Structure formats: C-alpha cells, structure tokens
Amino acid sequence: MSNFDTNITRLLRAEEGEILNEYKDHLGYSTIGVGRLIDKRKGGGITAEESAYLLNNDIQKRLGELERKLPWIKSLDDARRGVLVSMAFQMGVDGLLGFKNTLEMVRTGRYADAAKGMLNSLWATQTPNRAKRHSEQMRTGQWIIKDGF
C-alpha cells in the first residue's frame, strides 16, 4: 500500500468513523462501514462484485462453524453439504443444530429418511419451496438450483 493509500484510509476512518452495521448518517440515510452510502433513495448500494465477495465470506464463515460443530460434514458429498450450509445460512447454525434427528440421519447416510424429516418441520411450513428443493437434493445428492441462478 502506498503512503497515499495508507494516509487517506487513516484520514477517512478518523473523519467518518467505522461502523460495521447499518446506521443513519447525519442526513438520515442508510450507511455502513466508513461512510458507505447504501440507501437506495440516494443511489446507494453495492456492486455485484462486492455482493459476491460478501457472500463468499458468509459461506466460508458458516462452513467453518459447521465443520467445528459437526466435523462429519466434511465427509459428505458437495450437494448434501451444500444443503446444510444453505439451511445454516437461512436459520443460523444454531437453528440447523435443532434438527437433531435429521442431522443424525444425514450423519449415518440415511438420506431418504433425512429428506422426509426435513419436510416434517416448521422450517418446511415456513419456506415450503426451499424445503422441497433441499430435501430432494439431500435425498439424491444432486444439486437442485432454482431457475435463473
């Protein structure tokens, strides 16, 4: 990093502050980080590249947490491990850990039973289409991704 880069970064952090969650600036617009306008009323937001960067960080964070709490998921095929990461992404790792019976079925390779267990849950009632796709992916070990993505 050049002297200019180092110094302008220090200057802006000192002047703007750094807040790692959404806040309202002095004019009431949604902002994050070091004065990053995200309020769409003023044309704020992030780029597709920034979204991809954040998503990758979030995936790695969930996967790392799952691997610490359920080390056996490392032995799953990618599609089935993907279901668990997606569920943890949606409801948090602790929410996923509430699926004790289903997780035990996944751990022991009883994927059809696990798929049925997934559909017999409050989660499946709240997000039925996602639950159907994920249960089928768990059952078959084949990726099932909504059209357009």
C-alpha atoms as a PDB file:
ATOM      1  CA  MET A   1       0.000   0.000   0.000  1.00  0.00           C
ATOM      2  CA  SER A   2       1.410   3.415  -0.938  1.00  0.00           C
ATOM      3  CA  ASN A   3       1.789   6.271   1.513  1.00  0.00           C
ATOM      4  CA  PHE A   4      -1.203   7.987  -0.065  1.00  0.00           C
ATOM      5  CA  ASP A   5      -3.367   4.854   0.287  1.00  0.00           C
ATOM      6  CA  THR A   6      -2.339   4.378   3.910  1.00  0.00           C
ATOM      7  CA  ASN A   7      -2.854   8.012   4.824  1.00  0.00           C
ATOM      8  CA  ILE A   8      -6.172   8.538   3.025  1.00  0.00           C
ATOM      9  CA  THR A   9      -7.509   5.358   4.631  1.00  0.00           C
ATOM     10  CA  ARG A  10      -6.439   6.607   8.064  1.00  0.00           C
ATOM     11  CA  LEU A  11      -7.862  10.064   7.373  1.00  0.00           C
ATOM     12  CA  LEU A  12     -11.254   8.773   6.225  1.00  0.00           C
ATOM     13  CA  ARG A  13     -11.554   6.334   9.119  1.00  0.00           C
ATOM     14  CA  ALA A  14     -10.758   9.180  11.517  1.00  0.00           C
ATOM     15  CA  GLU A  15     -13.223  11.589   9.884  1.00  0.00           C
ATOM     16  CA  GLU A  16     -16.053   9.205   9.054  1.00  0.00           C
ATOM     17  CA  GLY A  17     -15.644   6.637  11.786  1.00  0.00           C
ATOM     18  CA  GLU A  18     -16.174   2.984  11.068  1.00  0.00           C
ATOM     19  CA  ILE A  19     -19.444   1.319  11.957  1.00  0.00           C
ATOM     20  CA  LEU A  20     -19.772  -2.314  10.937  1.00  0.00           C
ATOM     21  CA  ASN A  21     -23.557  -2.378  10.729  1.00  0.00           C
ATOM     22  CA  GLU A  22     -26.153  -0.201   9.051  1.00  0.00           C
ATOM     23  CA  TYR A  23     -26.600   3.226  10.593  1.00  0.00           C
ATOM     24  CA  LYS A  24     -28.214   6.511   9.627  1.00  0.00           C
ATOM     25  CA  ASP A  25     -25.819   9.284   8.663  1.00  0.00           C
ATOM     26  CA  HIS A  26     -26.332  12.904   9.746  1.00  0.00           C
ATOM     27  CA  LEU A  27     -28.939  13.320   6.963  1.00  0.00           C
ATOM     28  CA  GLY A  28     -30.793  10.122   7.888  1.00  0.00           C
ATOM     29  CA  TYR A  29     -29.527   7.931   5.025  1.00  0.00           C
ATOM     30  CA  SER A  30     -28.562   4.286   5.493  1.00  0.00           C
ATOM     31  CA  THR A  31     -24.791   3.942   5.605  1.00  0.00           C
ATOM     32  CA  ILE A  32     -22.296   1.232   6.580  1.00  0.00           C
ATOM     33  CA  GLY A  33     -18.582   0.873   7.193  1.00  0.00           C
ATOM     34  CA  VAL A  34     -16.585   4.031   6.589  1.00  0.00           C
ATOM     35  CA  GLY A  35     -19.300   6.334   5.260  1.00  0.00           C
ATOM     36  CA  ARG A  36     -20.503   3.909   2.546  1.00  0.00           C
ATOM     37  CA  LEU A  37     -23.940   5.080   1.404  1.00  0.00           C
ATOM     38  CA  ILE A  38     -26.243   2.101   0.900  1.00  0.00           C
ATOM     39  CA  ASP A  39     -29.558   3.962   0.906  1.00  0.00           C
ATOM     40  CA  LYS A  40     -31.244   3.399  -2.463  1.00  0.00           C
ATOM     41  CA  ARG A  41     -33.093   6.713  -2.131  1.00  0.00           C
ATOM     42  CA  LYS A  42     -29.754   8.395  -2.821  1.00  0.00           C
ATOM     43  CA  GLY A  43     -28.437   5.856  -5.329  1.00  0.00           C
ATOM     44  CA  GLY A  44     -26.502   3.885  -2.735  1.00  0.00           C
ATOM     45  CA  GLY A  45     -25.879   0.174  -2.738  1.00  0.00           C
ATOM     46  CA  ILE A  46     -23.131  -2.283  -3.546  1.00  0.00           C
ATOM     47  CA  THR A  47     -21.815  -3.753  -6.786  1.00  0.00           C
ATOM     48  CA  ALA A  48     -22.336  -7.341  -7.897  1.00  0.00           C
ATOM     49  CA  GLU A  49     -18.632  -7.932  -7.201  1.00  0.00           C
ATOM     50  CA  GLU A  50     -18.977  -6.614  -3.649  1.00  0.00           C
ATOM     51  CA  SER A  51     -22.041  -8.802  -3.121  1.00  0.00           C
ATOM     52  CA  ALA A  52     -20.109 -11.849  -4.369  1.00  0.00           C
ATOM     53  CA  TYR A  53     -17.233 -11.022  -2.006  1.00  0.00           C
ATOM     54  CA  LEU A  54     -19.588 -10.716   0.974  1.00  0.00           C
ATOM     55  CA  LEU A  55     -21.432 -13.906   0.011  1.00  0.00           C
ATOM     56  CA  ASN A  56     -18.195 -15.871  -0.231  1.00  0.00           C
ATOM     57  CA  ASN A  57     -17.141 -14.600   3.209  1.00  0.00           C
ATOM     58  CA  ASP A  58     -20.527 -15.606   4.652  1.00  0.00           C
ATOM     59  CA  ILE A  59     -20.365 -19.075   3.061  1.00  0.00           C
ATOM     60  CA  GLN A  60     -16.875 -19.676   4.454  1.00  0.00           C
ATOM     61  CA  LYS A  61     -17.942 -18.469   7.903  1.00  0.00           C
ATOM     62  CA  ARG A  62     -20.979 -20.811   8.003  1.00  0.00           C
ATOM     63  CA  LEU A  63     -18.994 -23.728   6.601  1.00  0.00           C
ATOM     64  CA  GLY A  64     -16.212 -23.240   9.158  1.00  0.00           C
ATOM     65  CA  GLU A  65     -18.700 -23.050  12.007  1.00  0.00           C
ATOM     66  CA  LEU A  66     -20.481 -26.184  10.773  1.00  0.00           C
ATOM     67  CA  GLU A  67     -17.199 -28.064  10.415  1.00  0.00           C
ATOM     68  CA  ARG A  68     -16.307 -27.181  14.019  1.00  0.00           C
ATOM     69  CA  LYS A  69     -19.699 -28.252  15.389  1.00  0.00           C
ATOM     70  CA  LEU A  70     -20.389 -31.161  13.018  1.00  0.00           C
ATOM     71  CA  PRO A  71     -16.952 -32.373  11.857  1.00  0.00           C
ATOM     72  CA  TRP A  72     -18.515 -35.280   9.961  1.00  0.00           C
ATOM     73  CA  ILE A  73     -19.965 -32.922   7.316  1.00  0.00           C
ATOM     74  CA  LYS A  74     -16.512 -32.856   5.703  1.00  0.00           C
ATOM     75  CA  SER A  75     -17.199 -36.419   4.534  1.00  0.00           C
ATOM     76  CA  LEU A  76     -20.483 -35.531   2.793  1.00  0.00           C
ATOM     77  CA  ASP A  77     -20.677 -35.044  -0.944  1.00  0.00           C
ATOM     78  CA  ASP A  78     -20.815 -31.422  -2.066  1.00  0.00           C
ATOM     79  CA  ALA A  79     -24.566 -31.350  -2.791  1.00  0.00           C
ATOM     80  CA  ARG A  80     -25.547 -32.665   0.642  1.00  0.00           C
ATOM     81  CA  ARG A  81     -23.028 -30.469   2.444  1.00  0.00           C
ATOM     82  CA  GLY A  82     -24.473 -27.591   0.390  1.00  0.00           C
ATOM     83  CA  VAL A  83     -27.957 -28.263   1.791  1.00  0.00           C
ATOM     84  CA  LEU A  84     -26.655 -27.966   5.352  1.00  0.00           C
ATOM     85  CA  VAL A  85     -24.754 -24.769   4.566  1.00  0.00           C
ATOM     86  CA  SER A  86     -27.860 -23.280   2.940  1.00  0.00           C
ATOM     87  CA  MET A  87     -30.023 -24.203   5.909  1.00  0.00           C
ATOM     88  CA  ALA A  88     -27.437 -22.705   8.296  1.00  0.00           C
ATOM     89  CA  PHE A  89     -27.324 -19.600   6.103  1.00  0.00           C
ATOM     90  CA  GLN A  90     -31.104 -19.217   6.346  1.00  0.00           C
ATOM     91  CA  MET A  91     -31.699 -20.012  10.018  1.00  0.00           C
ATOM     92  CA  GLY A  92     -28.256 -19.764  11.561  1.00  0.00           C
ATOM     93  CA  VAL A  93     -26.039 -22.644  12.622  1.00  0.00           C
ATOM     94  CA  ASP A  94     -27.861 -22.981  15.935  1.00  0.00           C
ATOM     95  CA  GLY A  95     -31.178 -23.204  14.080  1.00  0.00           C
ATOM     96  CA  LEU A  96     -29.813 -26.016  11.927  1.00  0.00           C
ATOM     97  CA  LEU A  97     -28.467 -27.805  15.005  1.00  0.00           C
ATOM     98  CA  GLY A  98     -32.060 -28.001  16.235  1.00  0.00           C
ATOM     99  CA  PHE A  99     -32.678 -30.635  13.530  1.00  0.00           C
ATOM    100  CA  LYS A 100     -31.089 -33.301  15.759  1.00  0.00           C
ATOM    101  CA  ASN A 101     -32.856 -36.359  14.325  1.00  0.00           C
ATOM    102  CA  THR A 102     -32.449 -35.210  10.728  1.00  0.00           C
ATOM    103  CA  LEU A 103     -28.767 -34.455  11.252  1.00  0.00           C
ATOM    104  CA  GLU A 104     -28.226 -37.895  12.763  1.00  0.00           C
ATOM    105  CA  MET A 105     -29.868 -39.446   9.698  1.00  0.00           C
ATOM    106  CA  VAL A 106     -27.575 -37.408   7.428  1.00  0.00           C
ATOM    107  CA  ARG A 107     -24.537 -38.380   9.513  1.00  0.00           C
ATOM    108  CA  THR A 108     -25.385 -42.084   9.181  1.00  0.00           C
ATOM    109  CA  GLY A 109     -26.143 -41.900   5.448  1.00  0.00           C
ATOM    110  CA  ARG A 110     -29.921 -42.313   5.722  1.00  0.00           C
ATOM    111  CA  TYR A 111     -30.541 -39.555   3.211  1.00  0.00           C
ATOM    112  CA  ALA A 112     -34.103 -40.501   2.183  1.00  0.00           C
ATOM    113  CA  ASP A 113     -35.163 -40.517   5.834  1.00  0.00           C
ATOM    114  CA  ALA A 114     -33.367 -37.209   6.400  1.00  0.00           C
ATOM    115  CA  ALA A 115     -35.201 -35.720   3.412  1.00  0.00           C
ATOM    116  CA  LYS A 116     -38.534 -36.791   4.913  1.00  0.00           C
ATOM    117  CA  GLY A 117     -37.524 -35.354   8.278  1.00  0.00           C
ATOM    118  CA  MET A 118     -36.659 -32.036   6.654  1.00  0.00           C
ATOM    119  CA  LEU A 119     -40.161 -31.822   5.205  1.00  0.00           C
ATOM    120  CA  ASN A 120     -41.728 -32.606   8.587  1.00  0.00           C
ATOM    121  CA  SER A 121     -40.642 -29.353  10.234  1.00  0.00           C
ATOM    122  CA  LEU A 122     -41.720 -25.815  10.962  1.00  0.00           C
ATOM    123  CA  TRP A 123     -38.985 -24.693   8.545  1.00  0.00           C
ATOM    124  CA  ALA A 124     -40.703 -26.618   5.718  1.00  0.00           C
ATOM    125  CA  THR A 125     -44.022 -24.978   6.601  1.00  0.00           C
ATOM    126  CA  GLN A 126     -42.427 -21.517   6.589  1.00  0.00           C
ATOM    127  CA  THR A 127     -40.402 -21.938   3.381  1.00  0.00           C
ATOM    128  CA  PRO A 128     -42.035 -24.879   1.563  1.00  0.00           C
ATOM    129  CA  ASN A 129     -40.448 -24.445  -1.867  1.00  0.00           C
ATOM    130  CA  ARG A 130     -36.944 -24.139  -0.496  1.00  0.00           C
ATOM    131  CA  ALA A 131     -37.545 -27.109   1.814  1.00  0.00           C
ATOM    132  CA  LYS A 132     -38.785 -29.249  -1.101  1.00  0.00           C
ATOM    133  CA  ARG A 133     -35.737 -28.407  -3.218  1.00  0.00           C
ATOM    134  CA  HIS A 134     -33.345 -29.028  -0.328  1.00  0.00           C
ATOM    135  CA  SER A 135     -34.966 -32.278   0.723  1.00  0.00           C
ATOM    136  CA  GLU A 136     -34.747 -33.558  -2.858  1.00  0.00           C
ATOM    137  CA  GLN A 137     -31.101 -32.502  -3.045  1.00  0.00           C
ATOM    138  CA  MET A 138     -30.447 -34.297   0.252  1.00  0.00           C
ATOM    139  CA  ARG A 139     -32.235 -37.413  -0.983  1.00  0.00           C
ATOM    140  CA  THR A 140     -30.475 -37.590  -4.369  1.00  0.00           C
ATOM    141  CA  GLY A 141     -27.117 -35.968  -3.754  1.00  0.00           C
ATOM    142  CA  GLN A 142     -27.718 -33.885  -6.916  1.00  0.00           C
ATOM    143  CA  TRP A 143     -27.646 -30.087  -6.899  1.00  0.00           C
ATOM    144  CA  ILE A 144     -31.091 -28.514  -7.357  1.00  0.00           C
ATOM    145  CA  ILE A 145     -30.859 -24.797  -8.034  1.00  0.00           C
ATOM    146  CA  LYS A 146     -33.787 -22.506  -8.778  1.00  0.00           C
ATOM    147  CA  ASP A 147     -34.036 -21.330 -12.381  1.00  0.00           C
ATOM    148  CA  GLY A 148     -32.244 -18.106 -13.146  1.00  0.00           C
ATOM    149  CA  PHE A 149     -29.285 -18.638 -10.826  1.00  0.00           C
END
